Amino acid sequence: MPLHSGPKIGDLLPEVVRTYTEESVAAYAAVSGAVGEMHTDPEFARSLGFRGVVVHGQMNLALVSRALTETYGPGWASGGTLTGRYLKPVVAGDTVRVQLRVTERGEASVDHTVEVLNQDDELVLVGQARAALREALPDAVVAPDAPPPDASPFDFPERRVGYADMEPGLTGRVCMESVTETLVRDFASAVDDLNSIYFDDAAAGQAGFGGRIAPLLIVGFMNPLYASLKSVVGDTWPEERVHAQATFEFAYPPRAGDKLLTVAEIAGREEKRGRNRVTFRCKTYNLRGVLIATALHTEVWL
């Protein structure tokens, strides 16, 4: 978008609305690998006190990213940051809407408040987002800490790390997965983001991307992330857990054909209200050594 135009302070970006179904939650679970029973089994979810199968918190973040991608294009894909704090579970049957309001606008970036509300006007997620103002992607830069391109594929070593042993800095294996056209299509469908920049080179080029990209949050919830996380904590990592907060810093967009390397480390841990909370830092690179995104995930173990 032209740098002199776009939303001004106080403006609301166009709303994004979605009604979740058991089928849409199952589709996201399948493509992301996050197939815990609370997301796939209504009876099990109700046994935990939920009204039905739980919508992955990341699905709401994907709606936020969809709105920001549509508004800022390359300025969101390279230079965007998003933090979301989960306040209330969303379950199949709920309808959510995303509200993004501009709070600050400078020469190089725009800040927003983030609110996701359900059909009862209850806040289910709050946060902040910053988008850069640029009309095209910058040149890709090789990161000095990029892992070697011959990193291992999925690996689940036999390892048990107790909660008390989860010291910050404990690092998992580097894990790799290919971003195929099928994965892009399935992920875009699962998160209800069918922007033409994922499927049409001409549309993506006109938008300043130089060719098709993949949905940005594909890097946050692909199988390698879970593989790297699980290689840190082994079989002590419970299947039943909920997300408390997530932060993303987008450096460069992934594309179909990329092979992405993800490595996770423990960034912090605490006990709060009788629950164990663990924060993981995850970095994703392509095989050229370009940093794609950095993410922080805080999870509460049930």
C-alpha atoms as a PDB file:
ATOM      1  CA  MET A   1       0.000   0.000   0.000  1.00  0.00           C
ATOM      2  CA  PRO A   2       1.244   3.551  -0.598  1.00  0.00           C
ATOM      3  CA  LEU A   3       3.204   4.706   2.430  1.00  0.00           C
ATOM      4  CA  HIS A   4       1.303   7.993   2.664  1.00  0.00           C
ATOM      5  CA  SER A   5      -2.083   6.280   2.794  1.00  0.00           C
ATOM      6  CA  GLY A   6      -3.736   3.655   4.945  1.00  0.00           C
ATOM      7  CA  PRO A   7      -5.441   3.659   8.335  1.00  0.00           C
ATOM      8  CA  LYS A   8      -5.064   6.654  10.631  1.00  0.00           C
ATOM      9  CA  ILE A   9      -5.040   6.855  14.432  1.00  0.00           C
ATOM     10  CA  GLY A  10      -8.411   5.763  15.779  1.00  0.00           C
ATOM     11  CA  ASP A  11      -9.404   3.853  12.643  1.00  0.00           C
ATOM     12  CA  LEU A  12     -10.732   0.302  12.836  1.00  0.00           C
ATOM     13  CA  LEU A  13      -9.470  -2.140  10.229  1.00  0.00           C
ATOM     14  CA  PRO A  14     -12.154  -4.164   8.396  1.00  0.00           C
ATOM     15  CA  GLU A  15     -13.555  -6.831  10.727  1.00  0.00           C
ATOM     16  CA  VAL A  16     -12.915 -10.509  10.175  1.00  0.00           C
ATOM     17  CA  VAL A  17     -15.706 -12.831  11.372  1.00  0.00           C
ATOM     18  CA  ARG A  18     -15.727 -16.619  11.588  1.00  0.00           C
ATOM     19  CA  THR A  19     -18.052 -19.283  12.995  1.00  0.00           C
ATOM     20  CA  TYR A  20     -16.188 -22.402  14.075  1.00  0.00           C
ATOM     21  CA  THR A  21     -17.477 -25.941  13.609  1.00  0.00           C
ATOM     22  CA  GLU A  22     -16.198 -29.299  14.780  1.00  0.00           C
ATOM     23  CA  GLU A  23     -15.165 -29.914  11.171  1.00  0.00           C
ATOM     24  CA  SER A  24     -13.131 -26.696  10.917  1.00  0.00           C
ATOM     25  CA  VAL A  25     -11.371 -27.425  14.213  1.00  0.00           C
ATOM     26  CA  ALA A  26     -10.595 -30.964  13.046  1.00  0.00           C
ATOM     27  CA  ALA A  27      -9.217 -29.602   9.758  1.00  0.00           C
ATOM     28  CA  TYR A  28      -6.808 -27.319  11.600  1.00  0.00           C
ATOM     29  CA  ALA A  29      -5.806 -30.129  13.963  1.00  0.00           C
ATOM     30  CA  ALA A  30      -4.983 -32.363  11.005  1.00  0.00           C
ATOM     31  CA  VAL A  31      -2.884 -29.840   9.092  1.00  0.00           C
ATOM     32  CA  SER A  32      -1.033 -28.512  12.141  1.00  0.00           C
ATOM     33  CA  GLY A  33      -0.450 -31.799  13.933  1.00  0.00           C
ATOM     34  CA  ALA A  34      -2.085 -30.436  17.104  1.00  0.00           C
ATOM     35  CA  VAL A  35      -4.471 -33.357  17.481  1.00  0.00           C
ATOM     36  CA  GLY A  36      -5.024 -33.399  21.235  1.00  0.00           C
ATOM     37  CA  GLU A  37      -8.336 -34.934  22.286  1.00  0.00           C
ATOM     38  CA  MET A  38      -9.709 -31.616  23.546  1.00  0.00           C
ATOM     39  CA  HIS A  39      -9.678 -30.489  19.899  1.00  0.00           C
ATOM     40  CA  THR A  40     -11.113 -33.654  18.386  1.00  0.00           C
ATOM     41  CA  ASP A  41     -13.287 -35.444  20.959  1.00  0.00           C
ATOM     42  CA  PRO A  42     -16.389 -33.568  22.239  1.00  0.00           C
ATOM     43  CA  GLU A  43     -16.910 -35.925  25.182  1.00  0.00           C
ATOM     44  CA  PHE A  44     -13.315 -35.626  26.311  1.00  0.00           C
ATOM     45  CA  ALA A  45     -13.436 -31.830  25.980  1.00  0.00           C
ATOM     46  CA  ARG A  46     -16.589 -31.728  28.123  1.00  0.00           C
ATOM     47  CA  SER A  47     -14.883 -33.935  30.717  1.00  0.00           C
ATOM     48  CA  LEU A  48     -12.334 -31.136  31.116  1.00  0.00           C
ATOM     49  CA  GLY A  49     -15.088 -28.586  31.670  1.00  0.00           C
ATOM     50  CA  PHE A  50     -15.355 -27.146  28.158  1.00  0.00           C
ATOM     51  CA  ARG A  51     -18.667 -26.724  26.310  1.00  0.00           C
ATOM     52  CA  GLY A  52     -17.400 -28.655  23.295  1.00  0.00           C
ATOM     53  CA  VAL A  53     -14.255 -29.250  21.273  1.00  0.00           C
ATOM     54  CA  VAL A  54     -11.816 -26.429  21.890  1.00  0.00           C
ATOM     55  CA  VAL A  55     -10.786 -24.173  19.028  1.00  0.00           C
ATOM     56  CA  HIS A  56      -7.001 -23.887  18.800  1.00  0.00           C
ATOM     57  CA  GLY A  57      -6.024 -20.449  20.043  1.00  0.00           C
ATOM     58  CA  GLN A  58      -3.775 -20.096  17.033  1.00  0.00           C
ATOM     59  CA  MET A  59      -6.823 -20.153  14.767  1.00  0.00           C
ATOM     60  CA  ASN A  60      -7.897 -16.818  16.230  1.00  0.00           C
ATOM     61  CA  LEU A  61      -4.393 -15.420  15.774  1.00  0.00           C
ATOM     62  CA  ALA A  62      -4.548 -16.526  12.150  1.00  0.00           C
ATOM     63  CA  LEU A  63      -7.687 -14.394  11.703  1.00  0.00           C
ATOM     64  CA  VAL A  64      -5.799 -11.422  13.133  1.00  0.00           C
ATOM     65  CA  SER A  65      -2.884 -12.069  10.776  1.00  0.00           C
ATOM     66  CA  ARG A  66      -5.312 -12.361   7.856  1.00  0.00           C
ATOM     67  CA  ALA A  67      -6.663  -8.851   8.513  1.00  0.00           C
ATOM     68  CA  LEU A  68      -3.175  -7.373   8.840  1.00  0.00           C
ATOM     69  CA  THR A  69      -1.896  -9.133   5.715  1.00  0.00           C
ATOM     70  CA  GLU A  70      -4.828  -7.756   3.721  1.00  0.00           C
ATOM     71  CA  THR A  71      -4.141  -4.225   4.994  1.00  0.00           C
ATOM     72  CA  TYR A  72      -0.342  -3.974   5.054  1.00  0.00           C
ATOM     73  CA  GLY A  73       0.956  -6.711   2.741  1.00  0.00           C
ATOM     74  CA  PRO A  74       4.778  -6.821   2.776  1.00  0.00           C
ATOM     75  CA  GLY A  75       4.846  -4.539   5.824  1.00  0.00           C
ATOM     76  CA  TRP A  76       3.139  -7.262   7.832  1.00  0.00           C
ATOM     77  CA  ALA A  77       5.039 -10.198   6.335  1.00  0.00           C
ATOM     78  CA  SER A  78       8.425  -8.569   6.972  1.00  0.00           C
ATOM     79  CA  GLY A  79       8.505  -6.405  10.072  1.00  0.00           C
ATOM     80  CA  GLY A  80       5.163  -7.294  11.635  1.00  0.00           C
ATOM     81  CA  THR A  81       4.845  -8.249  15.306  1.00  0.00           C
ATOM     82  CA  LEU A  82       1.823  -9.740  17.051  1.00  0.00           C
ATOM     83  CA  THR A  83       1.162 -10.552  20.692  1.00  0.00           C
ATOM     84  CA  GLY A  84      -2.043 -12.246  21.798  1.00  0.00           C
ATOM     85  CA  ARG A  85      -3.170 -13.200  25.308  1.00  0.00           C
ATOM     86  CA  TYR A  86      -5.908 -15.809  25.542  1.00  0.00           C
ATOM     87  CA  LEU A  87      -8.656 -14.851  27.974  1.00  0.00           C
ATOM     88  CA  LYS A  88     -11.483 -17.321  27.385  1.00  0.00           C
ATOM     89  CA  PRO A  89     -11.821 -20.634  25.544  1.00  0.00           C
ATOM     90  CA  VAL A  90     -13.550 -20.686  22.181  1.00  0.00           C
ATOM     91  CA  VAL A  91     -15.387 -23.882  21.215  1.00  0.00           C
ATOM     92  CA  ALA A  92     -17.042 -25.273  18.114  1.00  0.00           C
ATOM     93  CA  GLY A  93     -20.281 -23.377  17.508  1.00  0.00           C
ATOM     94  CA  ASP A  94     -18.880 -20.028  18.655  1.00  0.00           C
ATOM     95  CA  THR A  95     -18.649 -17.041  16.316  1.00  0.00           C
ATOM     96  CA  VAL A  96     -15.725 -14.666  16.746  1.00  0.00           C
ATOM     97  CA  ARG A  97     -14.905 -11.299  15.249  1.00  0.00           C
ATOM     98  CA  VAL A  98     -11.555  -9.535  15.085  1.00  0.00           C
ATOM     99  CA  GLN A  99     -11.276  -5.831  15.880  1.00  0.00           C
ATOM    100  CA  LEU A 100      -8.016  -4.002  15.174  1.00  0.00           C
ATOM    101  CA  ARG A 101      -7.778  -0.300  16.069  1.00  0.00           C
ATOM    102  CA  VAL A 102      -4.889   1.969  15.125  1.00  0.00           C
ATOM    103  CA  THR A 103      -3.314   3.548  18.226  1.00  0.00           C
ATOM    104  CA  GLU A 104      -0.087   5.028  16.843  1.00  0.00           C
ATOM    105  CA  ARG A 105       1.193   5.822  13.376  1.00  0.00           C
ATOM    106  CA  GLY A 106       4.749   6.842  12.582  1.00  0.00           C
ATOM    107  CA  GLU A 107       6.801   7.229   9.441  1.00  0.00           C
ATOM    108  CA  ALA A 108       7.808   3.571   9.416  1.00  0.00           C
ATOM    109  CA  SER A 109       5.159   1.617  11.352  1.00  0.00           C
ATOM    110  CA  VAL A 110       1.583   1.466  12.645  1.00  0.00           C
ATOM    111  CA  ASP A 111       0.506   0.146  16.067  1.00  0.00           C
ATOM    112  CA  HIS A 112      -2.849  -1.469  16.849  1.00  0.00           C
ATOM    113  CA  THR A 113      -4.820  -2.886  19.726  1.00  0.00           C
ATOM    114  CA  VAL A 114      -6.113  -6.393  19.068  1.00  0.00           C
ATOM    115  CA  GLU A 115      -9.438  -7.681  20.349  1.00  0.00           C
ATOM    116  CA  VAL A 116     -11.233 -10.894  19.457  1.00  0.00           C
ATOM    117  CA  LEU A 117     -14.796 -11.157  20.769  1.00  0.00           C
ATOM    118  CA  ASN A 118     -17.300 -14.000  20.735  1.00  0.00           C
ATOM    119  CA  GLN A 119     -21.014 -13.929  19.877  1.00  0.00           C
ATOM    120  CA  ASP A 120     -21.810 -12.714  23.404  1.00  0.00           C
ATOM    121  CA  ASP A 121     -19.412  -9.746  23.035  1.00  0.00           C
ATOM    122  CA  GLU A 122     -17.014 -11.370  25.501  1.00  0.00           C
ATOM    123  CA  LEU A 123     -13.308 -10.825  24.938  1.00  0.00           C
ATOM    124  CA  VAL A 124     -11.568 -14.094  24.159  1.00  0.00           C
ATOM    125  CA  LEU A 125      -8.206 -12.649  23.098  1.00  0.00           C
ATOM    126  CA  VAL A 126      -6.473  -9.287  23.520  1.00  0.00           C
ATOM    127  CA  GLY A 127      -3.119  -8.075  22.306  1.00  0.00           C
ATOM    128  CA  GLN A 128      -1.095  -5.663  20.254  1.00  0.00           C
ATOM    129  CA  ALA A 129       0.168  -5.621  16.692  1.00  0.00           C
ATOM    130  CA  ARG A 130       2.687  -3.499  14.820  1.00  0.00           C
ATOM    131  CA  ALA A 131       3.015  -3.419  11.045  1.00  0.00           C
ATOM    132  CA  ALA A 132       5.807  -1.824   9.062  1.00  0.00           C
ATOM    133  CA  LEU A 133       4.999   0.590   6.248  1.00  0.00           C
ATOM    134  CA  ARG A 134       6.590  -0.684   3.060  1.00  0.00           C
ATOM    135  CA  GLU A 135       5.423  -1.324  -0.481  1.00  0.00           C
ATOM    136  CA  ALA A 136       7.657  -4.319  -1.233  1.00  0.00           C
ATOM    137  CA  LEU A 137       9.700  -6.919   0.585  1.00  0.00           C
ATOM    138  CA  PRO A 138      13.266  -5.954   1.563  1.00  0.00           C
ATOM    139  CA  ASP A 139      16.205  -8.055   0.440  1.00  0.00           C
ATOM    140  CA  ALA A 140      16.513 -11.298   2.367  1.00  0.00           C
ATOM    141  CA  VAL A 141      19.410 -11.411   4.841  1.00  0.00           C
ATOM    142  CA  VAL A 142      21.136 -14.578   6.078  1.00  0.00           C
ATOM    143  CA  ALA A 143      20.897 -14.848   9.870  1.00  0.00           C
ATOM    144  CA  PRO A 144      24.194 -15.456  11.703  1.00  0.00           C
ATOM    145  CA  ASP A 145      22.577 -18.037  14.006  1.00  0.00           C
ATOM    146  CA  ALA A 146      20.863 -20.051  11.254  1.00  0.00           C
ATOM    147  CA  PRO A 147      21.156 -23.847  11.709  1.00  0.00           C
ATOM    148  CA  PRO A 148      23.006 -25.907   9.072  1.00  0.00           C
ATOM    149  CA  PRO A 149      20.936 -26.932   6.045  1.00  0.00           C
ATOM    150  CA  ASP A 150      21.526 -30.636   6.738  1.00  0.00           C
ATOM    151  CA  ALA A 151      19.502 -30.552   9.965  1.00  0.00           C
ATOM    152  CA  SER A 152      17.692 -33.728  10.931  1.00  0.00           C
ATOM    153  CA  PRO A 153      14.060 -34.446   9.998  1.00  0.00           C
ATOM    154  CA  PHE A 154      11.509 -35.397  12.650  1.00  0.00           C
ATOM    155  CA  ASP A 155      13.140 -36.968  15.663  1.00  0.00           C
ATOM    156  CA  PHE A 156      11.566 -37.970  18.971  1.00  0.00           C
ATOM    157  CA  PRO A 157      14.455 -39.125  21.185  1.00  0.00           C
ATOM    158  CA  GLU A 158      13.732 -41.007  24.351  1.00  0.00           C
ATOM    159  CA  ARG A 159      13.967 -38.266  26.905  1.00  0.00           C
ATOM    160  CA  ARG A 160      12.268 -37.311  30.126  1.00  0.00           C
ATOM    161  CA  VAL A 161      12.694 -33.788  31.413  1.00  0.00           C
ATOM    162  CA  GLY A 162      10.802 -32.986  34.586  1.00  0.00           C
ATOM    163  CA  TYR A 163       9.250 -29.573  35.084  1.00  0.00           C
ATOM    164  CA  ALA A 164      11.912 -28.705  37.662  1.00  0.00           C
ATOM    165  CA  ASP A 165      14.623 -29.451  35.066  1.00  0.00           C
ATOM    166  CA  MET A 166      13.222 -27.095  32.444  1.00  0.00           C
ATOM    167  CA  GLU A 167      15.855 -24.427  32.723  1.00  0.00           C
ATOM    168  CA  PRO A 168      15.809 -21.526  30.247  1.00  0.00           C
ATOM    169  CA  GLY A 169      18.110 -22.254  27.349  1.00  0.00           C
ATOM    170  CA  LEU A 170      17.384 -25.977  27.146  1.00  0.00           C
ATOM    171  CA  THR A 171      17.211 -26.488  23.389  1.00  0.00           C
ATOM    172  CA  GLY A 172      15.496 -29.059  21.197  1.00  0.00           C
ATOM    173  CA  ARG A 173      16.492 -30.643  17.923  1.00  0.00           C
ATOM    174  CA  VAL A 174      16.407 -28.744  14.649  1.00  0.00           C
ATOM    175  CA  CYS A 175      13.450 -30.165  12.700  1.00  0.00           C
ATOM    176  CA  MET A 176      12.533 -29.683   9.076  1.00  0.00           C
ATOM    177  CA  GLU A 177       9.440 -29.780   6.893  1.00  0.00           C
ATOM    178  CA  SER A 178       8.706 -28.817   3.315  1.00  0.00           C
ATOM    179  CA  VAL A 179       6.157 -26.138   2.516  1.00  0.00           C
ATOM    180  CA  THR A 180       4.289 -27.796  -0.319  1.00  0.00           C
ATOM    181  CA  GLU A 181       1.513 -26.302  -2.398  1.00  0.00           C
ATOM    182  CA  THR A 182      -0.824 -28.850  -0.819  1.00  0.00           C
ATOM    183  CA  LEU A 183       0.187 -27.739   2.679  1.00  0.00           C
ATOM    184  CA  VAL A 184      -0.348 -24.072   1.762  1.00  0.00           C
ATOM    185  CA  ARG A 185      -3.795 -24.849   0.353  1.00  0.00           C
ATOM    186  CA  ASP A 186      -4.851 -27.006   3.302  1.00  0.00           C
ATOM    187  CA  PHE A 187      -3.556 -24.552   5.907  1.00  0.00           C
ATOM    188  CA  ALA A 188      -5.136 -21.538   4.190  1.00  0.00           C
ATOM    189  CA  SER A 189      -8.451 -23.380   4.049  1.00  0.00           C
ATOM    190  CA  ALA A 190      -8.208 -24.498   7.687  1.00  0.00           C
ATOM    191  CA  VAL A 191      -7.652 -20.937   8.941  1.00  0.00           C
ATOM    192  CA  ASP A 192     -10.181 -19.429   6.495  1.00  0.00           C
ATOM    193  CA  ASP A 193      -7.614 -17.231   4.753  1.00  0.00           C
ATOM    194  CA  LEU A 194      -7.901 -17.669   0.992  1.00  0.00           C
ATOM    195  CA  ASN A 195      -6.019 -14.533  -0.059  1.00  0.00           C
ATOM    196  CA  SER A 196      -4.957 -14.770  -3.715  1.00  0.00           C
ATOM    197  CA  ILE A 197      -1.333 -13.974  -2.777  1.00  0.00           C
ATOM    198  CA  TYR A 198      -1.037 -17.618  -1.681  1.00  0.00           C
ATOM    199  CA  PHE A 199      -2.158 -19.051  -5.016  1.00  0.00           C
ATOM    200  CA  ASP A 200      -1.540 -16.490  -7.791  1.00  0.00           C
ATOM    201  CA  ASP A 201       1.933 -15.212  -8.691  1.00  0.00           C
ATOM    202  CA  ALA A 202       0.537 -12.206 -10.506  1.00  0.00           C
ATOM    203  CA  ALA A 203      -1.594 -11.130  -7.537  1.00  0.00           C
ATOM    204  CA  ALA A 204       1.298 -11.655  -5.140  1.00  0.00           C
ATOM    205  CA  GLY A 205       3.669  -9.734  -7.389  1.00  0.00           C
ATOM    206  CA  GLN A 206       1.247  -6.842  -7.680  1.00  0.00           C
ATOM    207  CA  ALA A 207       0.967  -6.797  -3.865  1.00  0.00           C
ATOM    208  CA  GLY A 208       4.743  -6.393  -3.509  1.00  0.00           C
ATOM    209  CA  PHE A 209       5.728  -9.952  -2.622  1.00  0.00           C
ATOM    210  CA  GLY A 210       7.583 -10.860  -5.833  1.00  0.00           C
ATOM    211  CA  GLY A 211       5.663 -14.141  -6.074  1.00  0.00           C
ATOM    212  CA  ARG A 212       3.350 -16.353  -4.057  1.00  0.00           C
ATOM    213  CA  ILE A 213       3.880 -16.632  -0.325  1.00  0.00           C
ATOM    214  CA  ALA A 214       2.410 -18.929   2.328  1.00  0.00           C
ATOM    215  CA  PRO A 215       0.146 -17.813   5.213  1.00  0.00           C
ATOM    216  CA  LEU A 216       2.509 -16.397   7.815  1.00  0.00           C
ATOM    217  CA  LEU A 217       1.257 -18.442  10.764  1.00  0.00           C
ATOM    218  CA  ILE A 218       2.034 -21.651   8.931  1.00  0.00           C
ATOM    219  CA  VAL A 219       5.484 -21.373  10.524  1.00  0.00           C
ATOM    220  CA  GLY A 220       4.102 -21.187  14.051  1.00  0.00           C
ATOM    221  CA  PHE A 221       2.163 -24.430  14.084  1.00  0.00           C
ATOM    222  CA  MET A 222       3.749 -26.758  11.579  1.00  0.00           C
ATOM    223  CA  ASN A 223       4.786 -30.221  12.673  1.00  0.00           C
ATOM    224  CA  PRO A 224       8.530 -29.362  13.010  1.00  0.00           C
ATOM    225  CA  LEU A 225       7.712 -26.918  15.788  1.00  0.00           C
ATOM    226  CA  TYR A 226       5.992 -29.643  17.777  1.00  0.00           C
ATOM    227  CA  ALA A 227       8.788 -32.063  16.977  1.00  0.00           C
ATOM    228  CA  SER A 228      11.428 -29.652  18.253  1.00  0.00           C
ATOM    229  CA  LEU A 229       9.393 -28.862  21.354  1.00  0.00           C
ATOM    230  CA  LYS A 230       8.857 -32.517  22.092  1.00  0.00           C
ATOM    231  CA  SER A 231      12.558 -33.216  21.692  1.00  0.00           C
ATOM    232  CA  VAL A 232      13.128 -30.783  24.578  1.00  0.00           C
ATOM    233  CA  VAL A 233      10.681 -32.295  27.055  1.00  0.00           C
ATOM    234  CA  GLY A 234      10.180 -35.797  25.654  1.00  0.00           C
ATOM    235  CA  ASP A 235       7.177 -37.718  26.935  1.00  0.00           C
ATOM    236  CA  THR A 236       6.708 -35.394  29.920  1.00  0.00           C
ATOM    237  CA  TRP A 237       4.991 -32.932  27.557  1.00  0.00           C
ATOM    238  CA  PRO A 238       1.261 -33.425  28.229  1.00  0.00           C
ATOM    239  CA  GLU A 239      -1.192 -33.702  25.375  1.00  0.00           C
ATOM    240  CA  GLU A 240      -3.749 -31.721  27.390  1.00  0.00           C
ATOM    241  CA  ARG A 241      -2.530 -28.146  27.627  1.00  0.00           C
ATOM    242  CA  VAL A 242      -3.848 -24.725  26.708  1.00  0.00           C
ATOM    243  CA  HIS A 243      -2.145 -21.694  25.258  1.00  0.00           C
ATOM    244  CA  ALA A 244      -1.904 -18.659  27.519  1.00  0.00           C
ATOM    245  CA  GLN A 245      -0.063 -16.227  25.251  1.00  0.00           C
ATOM    246  CA  ALA A 246       1.809 -16.066  21.959  1.00  0.00           C
ATOM    247  CA  THR A 247       4.093 -13.520  20.329  1.00  0.00           C
ATOM    248  CA  PHE A 248       5.272 -13.540  16.715  1.00  0.00           C
ATOM    249  CA  GLU A 249       7.912 -11.473  14.985  1.00  0.00           C
ATOM    250  CA  PHE A 250       7.703 -11.916  11.216  1.00  0.00           C
ATOM    251  CA  ALA A 251      11.007 -11.401   9.418  1.00  0.00           C
ATOM    252  CA  TYR A 252      10.397 -12.821   5.930  1.00  0.00           C
ATOM    253  CA  PRO A 253       7.474 -14.719   4.385  1.00  0.00           C
ATOM    254  CA  PRO A 254       7.647 -18.462   3.713  1.00  0.00           C
ATOM    255  CA  ARG A 255       6.873 -19.718   0.219  1.00  0.00           C
ATOM    256  CA  ALA A 256       5.697 -22.957  -1.328  1.00  0.00           C
ATOM    257  CA  GLY A 257       8.819 -24.957  -2.128  1.00  0.00           C
ATOM    258  CA  ASP A 258      10.701 -23.792   0.953  1.00  0.00           C
ATOM    259  CA  LYS A 259      12.175 -26.286   3.377  1.00  0.00           C
ATOM    260  CA  LEU A 260      11.880 -24.725   6.814  1.00  0.00           C
ATOM    261  CA  LEU A 261      14.064 -25.477   9.819  1.00  0.00           C
ATOM    262  CA  THR A 262      12.580 -24.887  13.271  1.00  0.00           C
ATOM    263  CA  VAL A 263      14.347 -25.045  16.616  1.00  0.00           C
ATOM    264  CA  ALA A 264      12.723 -24.555  20.011  1.00  0.00           C
ATOM    265  CA  GLU A 265      14.184 -23.709  23.391  1.00  0.00           C
ATOM    266  CA  ILE A 266      12.773 -23.113  26.840  1.00  0.00           C
ATOM    267  CA  ALA A 267      12.582 -19.375  27.440  1.00  0.00           C
ATOM    268  CA  GLY A 268      11.044 -19.469  30.931  1.00  0.00           C
ATOM    269  CA  ARG A 269       8.821 -21.330  33.384  1.00  0.00           C
ATOM    270  CA  GLU A 270       6.700 -20.510  36.408  1.00  0.00           C
ATOM    271  CA  GLU A 271       4.017 -21.965  38.629  1.00  0.00           C
ATOM    272  CA  LYS A 272       0.896 -19.812  38.744  1.00  0.00           C
ATOM    273  CA  ARG A 273      -2.441 -20.601  40.374  1.00  0.00           C
ATOM    274  CA  GLY A 274      -1.354 -24.196  40.897  1.00  0.00           C
ATOM    275  CA  ARG A 275      -0.526 -24.732  37.211  1.00  0.00           C
ATOM    276  CA  ASN A 276       2.799 -25.212  35.475  1.00  0.00           C
ATOM    277  CA  ARG A 277       3.433 -22.565  32.818  1.00  0.00           C
ATOM    278  CA  VAL A 278       6.226 -22.963  30.289  1.00  0.00           C
ATOM    279  CA  THR A 279       7.334 -20.436  27.658  1.00  0.00           C
ATOM    280  CA  PHE A 280       9.087 -21.705  24.535  1.00  0.00           C
ATOM    281  CA  ARG A 281      11.037 -19.619  22.029  1.00  0.00           C
ATOM    282  CA  CYS A 282      10.878 -20.990  18.502  1.00  0.00           C
ATOM    283  CA  LYS A 283      12.854 -19.767  15.490  1.00  0.00           C
ATOM    284  CA  THR A 284      12.184 -20.783  11.903  1.00  0.00           C
ATOM    285  CA  TYR A 285      14.617 -20.378   8.990  1.00  0.00           C
ATOM    286  CA  ASN A 286      14.683 -21.433   5.361  1.00  0.00           C
ATOM    287  CA  LEU A 287      17.554 -23.484   3.909  1.00  0.00           C
ATOM    288  CA  ARG A 288      19.275 -20.315   2.701  1.00  0.00           C
ATOM    289  CA  GLY A 289      19.653 -19.267   6.331  1.00  0.00           C
ATOM    290  CA  VAL A 290      17.058 -16.503   6.169  1.00  0.00           C
ATOM    291  CA  LEU A 291      15.137 -16.011   9.419  1.00  0.00           C
ATOM    292  CA  ILE A 292      11.420 -16.431   8.707  1.00  0.00           C
ATOM    293  CA  ALA A 293       9.908 -15.816  12.141  1.00  0.00           C
ATOM    294  CA  THR A 294      10.539 -15.866  15.868  1.00  0.00           C
ATOM    295  CA  ALA A 295       7.761 -16.937  18.212  1.00  0.00           C
ATOM    296  CA  LEU A 296       7.200 -17.139  21.953  1.00  0.00           C
ATOM    297  CA  HIS A 297       4.534 -19.586  23.173  1.00  0.00           C
ATOM    298  CA  THR A 298       3.390 -19.762  26.775  1.00  0.00           C
ATOM    299  CA  GLU A 299       1.421 -22.878  27.629  1.00  0.00           C
ATOM    300  CA  VAL A 300      -0.461 -23.984  30.736  1.00  0.00           C
ATOM    301  CA  TRP A 301      -0.324 -27.696  31.430  1.00  0.00           C
ATOM    302  CA  LEU A 302      -3.660 -29.165  32.541  1.00  0.00           C
END
